[in-house]
């Protein structure tokens, strides 16, 4: 049985990606949550994460004696281990695009992720508007993201980036939740894609669990002092 070690569902965008992949296609696994108490070296989270892998982060996938860390490495391991689920598109051109788009999300859009931290239970439209007014690098990231999604969706006209669910959709699911939280304006086609991602059973299950956590972590929320204080 696979074991996936993750962080708090409300905040951990990295953990969301492989969890959604496995849940969406029905790969059985056990879940272990390493609660975010702090990211300081002496925190319980850091001690637990460093005991699992050299990265000292989550997610971490354990398969018997194998330990796989980093979201992209885990995704590739799952695609290799479960070819019957076709986690990458079957068409070679689509597969190349899907890998490129996924890697772009994995390593890029740093300003967007920094100024719009994932917080599924929150609704922060005023923060979103303020960031868009004051942070040109976030606007540039959003323009790049928007153009990428528009290009991919135009190839097949949706509903997902490559028609059927793929690793790419799972990797973009956390940023979909960010845009939802901060009420970022998008085009009609991108809005439809965001709705389709949020309707995926794997994403719906993650969101439901995140909303049930009720575990406010002040260091994860630079814009709030409490859940009801925007």
C-alpha atoms as a PDB file:
ATOM      1  CA  UNK A   1       0.000   0.000   0.000  1.00  0.00           C
ATOM      2  CA  UNK A   2       1.297   3.430  -0.928  1.00  0.00           C
ATOM      3  CA  UNK A   3       1.558   6.031   1.843  1.00  0.00           C
ATOM      4  CA  UNK A   4       1.409   9.741   1.045  1.00  0.00           C
ATOM      5  CA  UNK A   5       2.678  12.152   3.686  1.00  0.00           C
ATOM      6  CA  UNK A   6       1.117  15.590   3.308  1.00  0.00           C
ATOM      7  CA  UNK A   7       0.658  18.905   5.120  1.00  0.00           C
ATOM      8  CA  UNK A   8      -2.490  20.783   6.109  1.00  0.00           C
ATOM      9  CA  UNK A   9      -4.986  20.561   3.246  1.00  0.00           C
ATOM     10  CA  UNK A  10      -6.094  24.169   3.625  1.00  0.00           C
ATOM     11  CA  UNK A  11      -2.589  25.484   2.964  1.00  0.00           C
ATOM     12  CA  UNK A  12      -0.388  22.847   1.333  1.00  0.00           C
ATOM     13  CA  UNK A  13      -0.538  23.383  -2.416  1.00  0.00           C
ATOM     14  CA  UNK A  14       2.357  20.991  -2.986  1.00  0.00           C
ATOM     15  CA  UNK A  15       0.567  18.201  -1.127  1.00  0.00           C
ATOM     16  CA  UNK A  16      -2.631  18.785  -3.055  1.00  0.00           C
ATOM     17  CA  UNK A  17      -1.126  17.811  -6.403  1.00  0.00           C
ATOM     18  CA  UNK A  18      -0.273  14.098  -5.919  1.00  0.00           C
ATOM     19  CA  UNK A  19      -3.220  13.598  -3.561  1.00  0.00           C
ATOM     20  CA  UNK A  20      -5.600  14.805  -6.278  1.00  0.00           C
ATOM     21  CA  UNK A  21      -3.889  12.625  -8.906  1.00  0.00           C
ATOM     22  CA  UNK A  22      -4.245   9.483  -6.809  1.00  0.00           C
ATOM     23  CA  UNK A  23      -7.766  10.217  -5.589  1.00  0.00           C
ATOM     24  CA  UNK A  24      -9.085  11.246  -8.983  1.00  0.00           C
ATOM     25  CA  UNK A  25      -8.055   8.029 -10.751  1.00  0.00           C
ATOM     26  CA  UNK A  26      -8.597   5.678  -7.810  1.00  0.00           C
ATOM     27  CA  UNK A  27      -5.047   4.720  -6.855  1.00  0.00           C
ATOM     28  CA  UNK A  28      -5.340   3.324  -3.306  1.00  0.00           C
ATOM     29  CA  UNK A  29      -3.126   4.935  -0.670  1.00  0.00           C
ATOM     30  CA  UNK A  30      -2.876   5.732   2.999  1.00  0.00           C
ATOM     31  CA  UNK A  31      -2.648   9.370   4.048  1.00  0.00           C
ATOM     32  CA  UNK A  32      -0.469  10.718   6.848  1.00  0.00           C
ATOM     33  CA  UNK A  33      -0.827  14.400   7.736  1.00  0.00           C
ATOM     34  CA  UNK A  34       2.187  16.239   9.136  1.00  0.00           C
ATOM     35  CA  UNK A  35       0.495  19.226  10.734  1.00  0.00           C
ATOM     36  CA  UNK A  36       2.104  22.592  10.107  1.00  0.00           C
ATOM     37  CA  UNK A  37       3.186  23.929  13.488  1.00  0.00           C
ATOM     38  CA  UNK A  38       6.139  25.925  12.177  1.00  0.00           C
ATOM     39  CA  UNK A  39       8.785  25.639   9.508  1.00  0.00           C
ATOM     40  CA  UNK A  40      11.628  26.370  11.914  1.00  0.00           C
ATOM     41  CA  UNK A  41      14.359  23.697  12.137  1.00  0.00           C
ATOM     42  CA  UNK A  42      13.254  22.606  15.620  1.00  0.00           C
ATOM     43  CA  UNK A  43       9.532  22.376  14.797  1.00  0.00           C
ATOM     44  CA  UNK A  44       7.707  19.066  14.976  1.00  0.00           C
ATOM     45  CA  UNK A  45       6.809  19.391  11.303  1.00  0.00           C
ATOM     46  CA  UNK A  46      10.419  19.869  10.226  1.00  0.00           C
ATOM     47  CA  UNK A  47      11.665  17.015  12.396  1.00  0.00           C
ATOM     48  CA  UNK A  48       8.998  14.678  11.007  1.00  0.00           C
ATOM     49  CA  UNK A  49       9.566  15.735   7.389  1.00  0.00           C
ATOM     50  CA  UNK A  50      13.350  15.446   7.626  1.00  0.00           C
ATOM     51  CA  UNK A  51      12.950  11.937   9.021  1.00  0.00           C
ATOM     52  CA  UNK A  52      11.159  10.995   5.786  1.00  0.00           C
ATOM     53  CA  UNK A  53      13.332  12.564   3.088  1.00  0.00           C
ATOM     54  CA  UNK A  54      16.352  14.823   2.537  1.00  0.00           C
ATOM     55  CA  UNK A  55      14.052  17.617   1.338  1.00  0.00           C
ATOM     56  CA  UNK A  56      12.465  18.143   4.742  1.00  0.00           C
ATOM     57  CA  UNK A  57       9.220  19.047   2.980  1.00  0.00           C
ATOM     58  CA  UNK A  58       5.933  17.441   1.988  1.00  0.00           C
ATOM     59  CA  UNK A  59       4.590  15.634   0.081  1.00  0.00           C
ATOM     60  CA  UNK A  60       6.539  12.406   0.390  1.00  0.00           C
ATOM     61  CA  UNK A  61       5.372   9.144  -1.168  1.00  0.00           C
ATOM     62  CA  UNK A  62       6.465   5.868   0.423  1.00  0.00           C
ATOM     63  CA  UNK A  63       6.092   2.656  -1.577  1.00  0.00           C
ATOM     64  CA  UNK A  64       7.511  -0.219   0.417  1.00  0.00           C
ATOM     65  CA  UNK A  65      11.215   0.535   0.637  1.00  0.00           C
ATOM     66  CA  UNK A  66      11.068   3.363  -1.898  1.00  0.00           C
ATOM     67  CA  UNK A  67      10.766   6.983  -0.817  1.00  0.00           C
ATOM     68  CA  UNK A  68       9.880   9.584  -3.438  1.00  0.00           C
ATOM     69  CA  UNK A  69       9.761  13.285  -2.689  1.00  0.00           C
ATOM     70  CA  UNK A  70       9.023  16.405  -4.758  1.00  0.00           C
ATOM     71  CA  UNK A  71       5.652  16.703  -6.471  1.00  0.00           C
ATOM     72  CA  UNK A  72       6.955  16.248 -10.001  1.00  0.00           C
ATOM     73  CA  UNK A  73       9.010  13.198  -9.065  1.00  0.00           C
ATOM     74  CA  UNK A  74       5.980  11.681  -7.345  1.00  0.00           C
ATOM     75  CA  UNK A  75       3.786  12.375 -10.371  1.00  0.00           C
ATOM     76  CA  UNK A  76       6.258  10.693 -12.711  1.00  0.00           C
ATOM     77  CA  UNK A  77       6.575   7.736 -10.340  1.00  0.00           C
ATOM     78  CA  UNK A  78       2.796   7.313 -10.311  1.00  0.00           C
ATOM     79  CA  UNK A  79       2.593   7.577 -14.110  1.00  0.00           C
ATOM     80  CA  UNK A  80       5.252   4.881 -14.430  1.00  0.00           C
ATOM     81  CA  UNK A  81       3.744   2.646 -11.750  1.00  0.00           C
ATOM     82  CA  UNK A  82       0.145   2.862 -12.977  1.00  0.00           C
ATOM     83  CA  UNK A  83       0.255   3.081 -16.789  1.00  0.00           C
ATOM     84  CA  UNK A  84      -3.331   1.858 -16.973  1.00  0.00           C
ATOM     85  CA  UNK A  85      -4.502   5.267 -15.733  1.00  0.00           C
ATOM     86  CA  UNK A  86      -2.757   7.201 -18.545  1.00  0.00           C
ATOM     87  CA  UNK A  87      -1.844  10.074 -16.235  1.00  0.00           C
ATOM     88  CA  UNK A  88      -0.131  11.860 -19.112  1.00  0.00           C
ATOM     89  CA  UNK A  89      -1.996  12.414 -22.429  1.00  0.00           C
ATOM     90  CA  UNK A  90      -1.761   9.546 -24.893  1.00  0.00           C
ATOM     91  CA  UNK A  91      -0.950  11.781 -27.873  1.00  0.00           C
ATOM     92  CA  UNK A  92       2.784  12.489 -28.062  1.00  0.00           C
ATOM     93  CA  UNK A  93       2.394  16.193 -28.907  1.00  0.00           C
ATOM     94  CA  UNK A  94      -0.093  16.646 -26.091  1.00  0.00           C
ATOM     95  CA  UNK A  95       2.177  14.728 -23.731  1.00  0.00           C
ATOM     96  CA  UNK A  96       5.099  17.028 -24.503  1.00  0.00           C
ATOM     97  CA  UNK A  97       2.934  20.084 -23.918  1.00  0.00           C
ATOM     98  CA  UNK A  98       1.502  18.622 -20.720  1.00  0.00           C
ATOM     99  CA  UNK A  99       4.952  17.934 -19.313  1.00  0.00           C
ATOM    100  CA  UNK A 100       6.153  21.417 -20.267  1.00  0.00           C
ATOM    101  CA  UNK A 101       3.118  23.114 -18.729  1.00  0.00           C
ATOM    102  CA  UNK A 102       3.390  21.024 -15.578  1.00  0.00           C
ATOM    103  CA  UNK A 103       7.089  21.808 -15.180  1.00  0.00           C
ATOM    104  CA  UNK A 104       6.340  25.512 -15.721  1.00  0.00           C
ATOM    105  CA  UNK A 105       3.890  25.443 -12.824  1.00  0.00           C
ATOM    106  CA  UNK A 106       6.267  23.363 -10.727  1.00  0.00           C
ATOM    107  CA  UNK A 107       9.180  25.779 -11.032  1.00  0.00           C
ATOM    108  CA  UNK A 108       7.617  29.118 -11.973  1.00  0.00           C
ATOM    109  CA  UNK A 109       4.981  31.720 -11.137  1.00  0.00           C
ATOM    110  CA  UNK A 110       6.847  32.571  -7.941  1.00  0.00           C
ATOM    111  CA  UNK A 111       5.353  36.037  -7.483  1.00  0.00           C
ATOM    112  CA  UNK A 112       1.810  34.726  -7.837  1.00  0.00           C
ATOM    113  CA  UNK A 113       2.417  31.958  -5.312  1.00  0.00           C
ATOM    114  CA  UNK A 114       4.174  34.277  -2.875  1.00  0.00           C
ATOM    115  CA  UNK A 115       1.530  37.020  -2.855  1.00  0.00           C
ATOM    116  CA  UNK A 116      -1.449  34.663  -3.209  1.00  0.00           C
ATOM    117  CA  UNK A 117      -0.700  31.847  -0.724  1.00  0.00           C
ATOM    118  CA  UNK A 118      -3.169  28.973  -0.869  1.00  0.00           C
ATOM    119  CA  UNK A 119      -5.957  29.298   1.680  1.00  0.00           C
ATOM    120  CA  UNK A 120      -8.980  27.298   0.566  1.00  0.00           C
ATOM    121  CA  UNK A 121     -11.404  28.289   3.315  1.00  0.00           C
ATOM    122  CA  UNK A 122     -10.790  32.032   2.933  1.00  0.00           C
ATOM    123  CA  UNK A 123     -12.410  34.561   0.595  1.00  0.00           C
ATOM    124  CA  UNK A 124     -10.114  37.569   0.188  1.00  0.00           C
ATOM    125  CA  UNK A 125     -11.218  39.660  -2.799  1.00  0.00           C
ATOM    126  CA  UNK A 126      -9.970  42.916  -1.251  1.00  0.00           C
ATOM    127  CA  UNK A 127      -6.504  41.412  -0.823  1.00  0.00           C
ATOM    128  CA  UNK A 128      -6.600  40.193  -4.412  1.00  0.00           C
ATOM    129  CA  UNK A 129      -7.498  43.634  -5.729  1.00  0.00           C
ATOM    130  CA  UNK A 130      -4.782  45.278  -3.627  1.00  0.00           C
ATOM    131  CA  UNK A 131      -2.116  42.857  -4.815  1.00  0.00           C
ATOM    132  CA  UNK A 132      -3.090  43.373  -8.456  1.00  0.00           C
ATOM    133  CA  UNK A 133      -2.799  47.144  -7.989  1.00  0.00           C
ATOM    134  CA  UNK A 134       0.561  47.069  -6.238  1.00  0.00           C
ATOM    135  CA  UNK A 135       2.488  44.035  -7.534  1.00  0.00           C
ATOM    136  CA  UNK A 136       3.278  44.204 -11.271  1.00  0.00           C
ATOM    137  CA  UNK A 137       5.205  40.922 -11.117  1.00  0.00           C
ATOM    138  CA  UNK A 138       2.019  39.158  -9.967  1.00  0.00           C
ATOM    139  CA  UNK A 139       0.110  40.696 -12.865  1.00  0.00           C
ATOM    140  CA  UNK A 140       2.839  39.448 -15.230  1.00  0.00           C
ATOM    141  CA  UNK A 141       2.591  35.933 -13.767  1.00  0.00           C
ATOM    142  CA  UNK A 142      -1.180  35.977 -14.174  1.00  0.00           C
ATOM    143  CA  UNK A 143      -0.892  37.112 -17.777  1.00  0.00           C
ATOM    144  CA  UNK A 144       1.515  34.242 -18.516  1.00  0.00           C
ATOM    145  CA  UNK A 145      -0.735  31.743 -16.759  1.00  0.00           C
ATOM    146  CA  UNK A 146      -3.816  33.035 -18.542  1.00  0.00           C
ATOM    147  CA  UNK A 147      -2.115  32.861 -21.947  1.00  0.00           C
ATOM    148  CA  UNK A 148      -0.903  29.317 -21.280  1.00  0.00           C
ATOM    149  CA  UNK A 149      -4.334  28.075 -20.258  1.00  0.00           C
ATOM    150  CA  UNK A 150      -6.015  29.805 -23.202  1.00  0.00           C
ATOM    151  CA  UNK A 151      -3.546  28.222 -25.612  1.00  0.00           C
ATOM    152  CA  UNK A 152      -3.985  24.717 -24.221  1.00  0.00           C
ATOM    153  CA  UNK A 153      -7.768  24.941 -23.940  1.00  0.00           C
ATOM    154  CA  UNK A 154      -8.039  26.173 -27.528  1.00  0.00           C
ATOM    155  CA  UNK A 155      -6.359  23.001 -28.795  1.00  0.00           C
ATOM    156  CA  UNK A 156      -9.246  20.794 -27.674  1.00  0.00           C
ATOM    157  CA  UNK A 157     -11.860  23.292 -26.458  1.00  0.00           C
ATOM    158  CA  UNK A 158     -11.790  21.801 -22.967  1.00  0.00           C
ATOM    159  CA  UNK A 159     -13.224  20.824 -20.627  1.00  0.00           C
ATOM    160  CA  UNK A 160      -9.749  20.172 -19.183  1.00  0.00           C
ATOM    161  CA  UNK A 161      -6.355  21.125 -20.568  1.00  0.00           C
ATOM    162  CA  UNK A 162      -6.015  17.916 -22.589  1.00  0.00           C
ATOM    163  CA  UNK A 163      -9.700  16.911 -22.689  1.00  0.00           C
ATOM    164  CA  UNK A 164      -9.418  14.142 -20.098  1.00  0.00           C
ATOM    165  CA  UNK A 165      -7.855  14.491 -16.665  1.00  0.00           C
ATOM    166  CA  UNK A 166      -4.058  14.492 -16.537  1.00  0.00           C
ATOM    167  CA  UNK A 167      -1.232  15.335 -14.155  1.00  0.00           C
ATOM    168  CA  UNK A 168      -1.256  18.843 -15.635  1.00  0.00           C
ATOM    169  CA  UNK A 169      -4.727  19.552 -14.253  1.00  0.00           C
ATOM    170  CA  UNK A 170      -3.682  18.325 -10.805  1.00  0.00           C
ATOM    171  CA  UNK A 171      -0.643  20.603 -10.829  1.00  0.00           C
ATOM    172  CA  UNK A 172      -2.766  23.611 -11.733  1.00  0.00           C
ATOM    173  CA  UNK A 173      -5.523  22.785  -9.226  1.00  0.00           C
ATOM    174  CA  UNK A 174      -3.849  24.697  -6.344  1.00  0.00           C
ATOM    175  CA  UNK A 175      -3.514  27.855  -8.427  1.00  0.00           C
ATOM    176  CA  UNK A 176      -7.166  27.493  -9.437  1.00  0.00           C
ATOM    177  CA  UNK A 177      -7.997  27.570  -5.726  1.00  0.00           C
ATOM    178  CA  UNK A 178      -5.764  30.614  -5.239  1.00  0.00           C
ATOM    179  CA  UNK A 179      -7.513  32.552  -8.014  1.00  0.00           C
ATOM    180  CA  UNK A 180     -10.835  31.593  -6.434  1.00  0.00           C
ATOM    181  CA  UNK A 181      -9.773  32.726  -2.951  1.00  0.00           C
ATOM    182  CA  UNK A 182      -8.516  36.119  -4.133  1.00  0.00           C
ATOM    183  CA  UNK A 183     -11.300  36.646  -6.733  1.00  0.00           C
ATOM    184  CA  UNK A 184      -8.863  37.237  -9.578  1.00  0.00           C
ATOM    185  CA  UNK A 185     -10.699  38.217 -12.793  1.00  0.00           C
ATOM    186  CA  UNK A 186     -10.271  35.768 -15.690  1.00  0.00           C
ATOM    187  CA  UNK A 187     -11.648  35.254 -19.186  1.00  0.00           C
ATOM    188  CA  UNK A 188     -14.856  33.252 -19.736  1.00  0.00           C
ATOM    189  CA  UNK A 189     -12.918  30.263 -21.097  1.00  0.00           C
ATOM    190  CA  UNK A 190     -10.515  30.235 -18.142  1.00  0.00           C
ATOM    191  CA  UNK A 191     -13.407  30.669 -15.711  1.00  0.00           C
ATOM    192  CA  UNK A 192     -15.076  27.624 -17.253  1.00  0.00           C
ATOM    193  CA  UNK A 193     -11.838  25.650 -16.892  1.00  0.00           C
ATOM    194  CA  UNK A 194     -11.547  26.675 -13.239  1.00  0.00           C
ATOM    195  CA  UNK A 195     -15.097  25.491 -12.600  1.00  0.00           C
ATOM    196  CA  UNK A 196     -14.361  22.177 -14.326  1.00  0.00           C
ATOM    197  CA  UNK A 197     -11.248  21.665 -12.185  1.00  0.00           C
ATOM    198  CA  UNK A 198     -13.166  22.424  -8.985  1.00  0.00           C
ATOM    199  CA  UNK A 199     -15.827  19.911 -10.061  1.00  0.00           C
ATOM    200  CA  UNK A 200     -13.327  17.040 -10.339  1.00  0.00           C
ATOM    201  CA  UNK A 201     -14.077  14.428  -7.634  1.00  0.00           C
ATOM    202  CA  UNK A 202     -10.452  14.458  -6.479  1.00  0.00           C
ATOM    203  CA  UNK A 203     -10.423  18.233  -6.097  1.00  0.00           C
ATOM    204  CA  UNK A 204     -13.850  18.293  -4.425  1.00  0.00           C
ATOM    205  CA  UNK A 205     -12.665  15.702  -1.897  1.00  0.00           C
ATOM    206  CA  UNK A 206      -9.534  17.720  -1.081  1.00  0.00           C
ATOM    207  CA  UNK A 207     -11.512  20.956  -0.707  1.00  0.00           C
ATOM    208  CA  UNK A 208     -14.098  19.308   1.543  1.00  0.00           C
ATOM    209  CA  UNK A 209     -11.351  17.984   3.800  1.00  0.00           C
ATOM    210  CA  UNK A 210      -9.618  21.373   3.841  1.00  0.00           C
ATOM    211  CA  UNK A 211     -12.828  23.099   4.902  1.00  0.00           C
ATOM    212  CA  UNK A 212     -13.266  20.535   7.697  1.00  0.00           C
ATOM    213  CA  UNK A 213      -9.809  21.126   9.200  1.00  0.00           C
ATOM    214  CA  UNK A 214     -10.548  24.333  11.127  1.00  0.00           C
ATOM    215  CA  UNK A 215      -6.831  24.620  11.894  1.00  0.00           C
ATOM    216  CA  UNK A 216      -5.899  28.293  11.601  1.00  0.00           C
ATOM    217  CA  UNK A 217      -2.153  28.740  11.192  1.00  0.00           C
ATOM    218  CA  UNK A 218      -1.226  32.452  11.623  1.00  0.00           C
ATOM    219  CA  UNK A 219       2.192  32.103   9.967  1.00  0.00           C
ATOM    220  CA  UNK A 220       0.472  30.800   6.823  1.00  0.00           C
ATOM    221  CA  UNK A 221      -1.883  33.777   6.622  1.00  0.00           C
ATOM    222  CA  UNK A 222      -0.030  37.091   6.153  1.00  0.00           C
ATOM    223  CA  UNK A 223      -3.307  38.915   5.439  1.00  0.00           C
ATOM    224  CA  UNK A 224      -5.341  37.784   8.446  1.00  0.00           C
ATOM    225  CA  UNK A 225      -5.037  37.521  12.196  1.00  0.00           C
ATOM    226  CA  UNK A 226      -8.006  35.150  12.522  1.00  0.00           C
ATOM    227  CA  UNK A 227     -10.295  33.233  10.169  1.00  0.00           C
ATOM    228  CA  UNK A 228     -13.069  35.838  10.450  1.00  0.00           C
ATOM    229  CA  UNK A 229     -10.777  38.887  10.220  1.00  0.00           C
ATOM    230  CA  UNK A 230      -9.841  39.744   6.622  1.00  0.00           C
END
